[in-house]
Amino acid sequence: MNWDSDLYTQKHSFVYQYGEGLLDLLNPQPAERILDLGCGSGELTQQIADRGAQVVGIDSSAEMLTKARAQFPALELHQMDATNFSFPEKFDAIFSNAVLHWVPDYEAVVRQMADALKPTGRLVIEFGGQHNVAAIVGAVTRHLTAYGYTFRPFWFFPSIGAYTPVLERNGFAVRLAQHYDRNTLLSDPETGLTDWIEQFGAYFFEDVRPDDKAAILEKVNADLRPTLFRDGRWYADYKRLRIIAERTV
């Protein structure tokens, strides 16, 4: 997926702003070596560095890394895939915010994270959980189908029961697993929902004619206005999965 890094930082800054609370759970310490898996435009990576840790950021998106390097030139950043990365030194902790639902091969990611951590190293992650943005996905899917298009799922939104056993099979002890609702305010009062779909749901429309796409987006906005438009603002129906785990073997 090609990311519009400027649109991301201008209209979707809530992604890393909500991640700031996750940093408190990470509690980075001076001299710790920490991996930010899916660092995006680098805001949270820099905050980890500001707390004194030695942080390394990786992301699969060249566009996002270009933005991160422009904003935070002192950071160590690498373009790497979450399912296939390696470093000569192990990490004390791995941090990941709003990333892992983009990687369908979740077992490969878990194996990589386990391999990258020191014994007793900790994992602090948050991403889309079961039924995340279900209203948005449902509305887009209905109208794609009505126009004769086929929806191919591209996100991975697991339940606690589906994800934590994978961690345990790969040598993690799960210390916290929380699935919670987080209705998320979108930036633009008029175009917030469309902006969100354009940024994060581009895969919906890979093979869709431009005139059909415009009509589908208009219908989706009309369908979801009664439930996701409140007090003059658009919201996304987020469900998040937050996990803290420790590598034990």
Foldseek 3Di string as FASTA:
>chain_A
DAFPLVLCVPWVVVQVVVVVVLVVVVVAAAAFEEEEEACFQPPVVVVSVVRHYQYEYEHQHPNRVVNNCVVPVVHHYDRDDLLDDDDPAAGLEYEYTAPQQQPPVNLSNLLVNLVRHDAQRKYWYKHFAPCFLVLLVVLLQVLCVVVPHHFDDRTHHYHPVVPVVSNVVNQKDWPDKDKAKDWAWTGDLPCRVVSCCVRPVVSSPPPPDPVSVVVSVVRSCVVCCVPQRDPSTGIGTTIMIITMITGHD
